Protein backbone atom coordinates (compact mmCIF):
# COMPACT_ATOMS: atom_id res chain seq x y z
CA MET A 1 -43.41 29.39 -12.84
CA SER A 2 -42.65 27.32 -15.48
CA ALA A 3 -40.35 24.73 -16.61
CA HIS A 4 -38.03 23.65 -19.51
CA ILE A 5 -38.54 19.82 -20.52
CA TYR A 6 -36.42 18.56 -23.11
CA GLN A 7 -34.56 15.16 -23.76
CA THR A 8 -30.87 14.66 -22.81
CA PRO A 9 -27.98 14.87 -25.76
CA LYS A 10 -25.41 12.11 -26.83
CA ASN A 11 -22.49 12.73 -25.09
CA ALA A 12 -20.00 14.47 -27.23
CA MET A 13 -16.82 12.81 -25.48
CA GLN A 14 -18.30 8.70 -25.95
CA SER A 15 -19.59 6.76 -28.93
CA GLY A 16 -22.38 5.04 -26.89
CA LYS A 17 -25.69 6.29 -26.87
CA ALA A 18 -26.40 5.58 -23.01
CA ARG A 19 -29.02 7.74 -21.13
CA MET A 20 -30.26 9.47 -24.15
CA ARG A 21 -33.96 8.21 -23.77
CA THR A 22 -34.42 9.95 -20.66
CA TRP A 23 -36.19 13.25 -20.40
CA VAL A 24 -35.24 16.29 -17.96
CA LEU A 25 -37.26 18.65 -16.19
CA GLU A 26 -35.77 21.71 -15.23
CA HIS A 27 -37.62 25.07 -13.73
CA GLU A 28 -37.21 28.40 -15.17
CA PRO A 29 -35.05 30.78 -13.31
CA VAL A 30 -37.23 33.41 -11.27
CA GLU A 31 -34.37 35.99 -10.36
CA GLY A 32 -31.22 36.69 -11.82
CA LYS A 33 -28.08 35.83 -10.33
CA LYS A 34 -26.12 38.41 -8.40
CA PRO A 35 -22.43 38.23 -7.46
CA ASP A 36 -21.86 37.49 -3.81
CA PRO A 37 -20.02 40.60 -1.91
CA LEU A 38 -17.75 38.37 0.02
CA THR A 39 -16.33 35.76 -2.20
CA GLY A 40 -17.68 37.02 -5.72
CA TRP A 41 -19.33 34.06 -6.81
CA ALA A 42 -22.56 34.22 -8.68
CA GLY A 43 -25.73 33.06 -7.04
CA SER A 44 -29.60 33.82 -6.11
CA GLY A 45 -32.15 32.68 -3.49
CA ASP A 46 -34.12 30.72 -6.51
CA THR A 47 -33.57 27.13 -5.00
CA ARG A 48 -35.59 25.55 -7.70
CA GLN A 49 -32.64 26.32 -10.22
CA GLN A 50 -30.76 23.39 -8.43
CA LEU A 51 -33.41 20.84 -9.29
CA ARG A 52 -33.60 18.55 -11.97
CA LEU A 53 -35.79 15.86 -12.55
CA THR A 54 -35.44 12.97 -14.99
CA PHE A 55 -38.17 10.87 -16.49
CA PRO A 56 -38.46 7.54 -18.66
CA SER A 57 -40.72 9.26 -21.06
CA LEU A 58 -42.07 12.45 -22.36
CA ASP A 59 -45.59 11.89 -21.19
CA ALA A 60 -44.22 11.19 -17.85
CA ALA A 61 -42.87 14.68 -17.72
CA LYS A 62 -45.74 16.16 -18.66
CA ALA A 63 -47.91 14.65 -16.48
CA TYR A 64 -45.92 15.15 -13.45
CA ALA A 65 -45.76 18.88 -14.32
CA GLU A 66 -49.53 19.10 -15.04
CA SER A 67 -49.85 17.22 -11.30
CA ILE A 68 -48.40 19.86 -9.74
CA GLY A 69 -50.24 23.03 -11.94
CA LEU A 70 -46.70 23.87 -13.28
CA ALA A 71 -46.50 25.88 -16.95
CA TYR A 72 -44.02 24.10 -19.09
CA HIS A 73 -42.69 23.87 -22.75
CA VAL A 74 -40.88 20.95 -24.57
CA THR A 75 -38.04 21.18 -26.84
CA MET A 76 -37.84 18.14 -29.03
CA PRO A 77 -34.62 17.07 -30.15
CA ALA A 78 -33.36 17.51 -33.45
CA PRO A 79 -33.83 14.59 -35.94
CA LYS A 80 -30.85 12.59 -36.55
CA SER A 81 -29.53 12.51 -40.31
CA LEU A 82 -26.70 10.22 -41.49
CA LYS A 83 -24.53 11.14 -43.90
CA LEU A 84 -23.51 7.60 -45.56
CA GLN A 85 -19.97 8.15 -47.46
CA ALA A 86 -17.43 5.78 -48.42
CA TYR A 87 -13.31 5.75 -48.07
CA ALA A 88 -13.57 5.85 -51.84
CA ASP A 89 -15.18 8.80 -52.29
CA ASN A 90 -12.05 10.63 -51.04
CA PHE A 91 -10.28 9.80 -54.28
CA ARG A 92 -13.26 10.79 -56.93
């Protein structure tokens, strides 16, 4: 069993930065999804895929994974770079 820890990204539909500081722990899928013969919907017997835990910090997420003996890998967020430009630059 392994898990993936990452920081929640900014919502593209909003300009605010709420809930960007939380860290998420998701379990990696153990088995692939297969179509249900009756409905055709994709599903699997792996119920850990439905579990998504949030933590206030990266250290808290790592501590939880280590306390239950779960192997994990962390994806750090990309560094943010601002491109400062003025309206007058359009006319140069």
